[in-house]
């Protein structure tokens, strides 16, 4: 059962409520919606306690967001913090109202969007439809280079690897990701740190770490990230700051953006946030955000990543809520 029915006796009447107990921090709070002053029939009660209720679940969501907003943030404004923390609960909220098959289709659609976006940022020209046909059905598009096809196909294995990892980010984890992402593209460099220094980030004027310092610099930013999280730092904010520092280190000769975004999303999803999907349309904003961060305007970097996170998924869900389109 999802809920229970409780009543409150007044002087001349009795009010019935649909109730859900929710743990908020160290406390358990009862959240309820009013049903009326007539006790539901037995059949109606069975339906009420076992069927997701939009009004009640939205009240739960609001309470959870309010609780999460207490988490420490250094650069997020109160409004940005509210938007980010609200996004943490969208998936679990809406999963209640979809069948398993429907939810699987939703997730598959976002995976296609993600692959098309993260490869498209680096110049891959496969459309979303072509990525869908290639990854879901194995249909190889005509007129595309073998490299572009391999870049997309490699994400089938990336997804499998992603699903097998539950632990912390480590240097072996980062190198393994790179070896999968660069498979059949650059076998000699796949999983290996770069050994040259005359390299930069396309479209952004950033001085990268000297090659001799890559391992040490990665250990430092990994340690800093987990120390900040342990000290109560906001997980979204700390993941974004890690991503900036990772891209500045630029540990590989190629594939840094794809690996960096995968690591970022590992951190986000481990903390309960949805994945960040940067489409080709958002490419310039994404690169500008990194530039702003590198120039010391970290609050601008974080703000722009908030906008990137609140993607079409959140807007779709908000629209469904406002229009009352969830039915079951």
Foldseek 3Di string as FASTA:
>chain_A
DQWAKDWDDDDPFIWIWTWHWDDQPPDIDIFIDTDGGDDDDPVVRVCSRPADDLVRLVVVLVVNLVSLLVFDEDQADSVLSSLQSSQLCLVVSCVRQDDPVVVVVVVLLVLLLQLQALVVLVPQDDDSVQLCCCQVPVDHDPPGDPLSSQLSNLVNVVVVVLVVDQDADDLQNLLVSQLSNCPVPCNVFRSHFDQDQPADDPPAPARADHQVCLNVQLVVLSVVLVVCVVVRYDQLLSLLVSLLSQRRNVGGRDDSSVSSLSNSQSSQVSVSHHRQGGHSVNSVLLRVLSNCVSVVNSSSSSVSSSVRRCDPSVVVSVVCSVVVVRDD
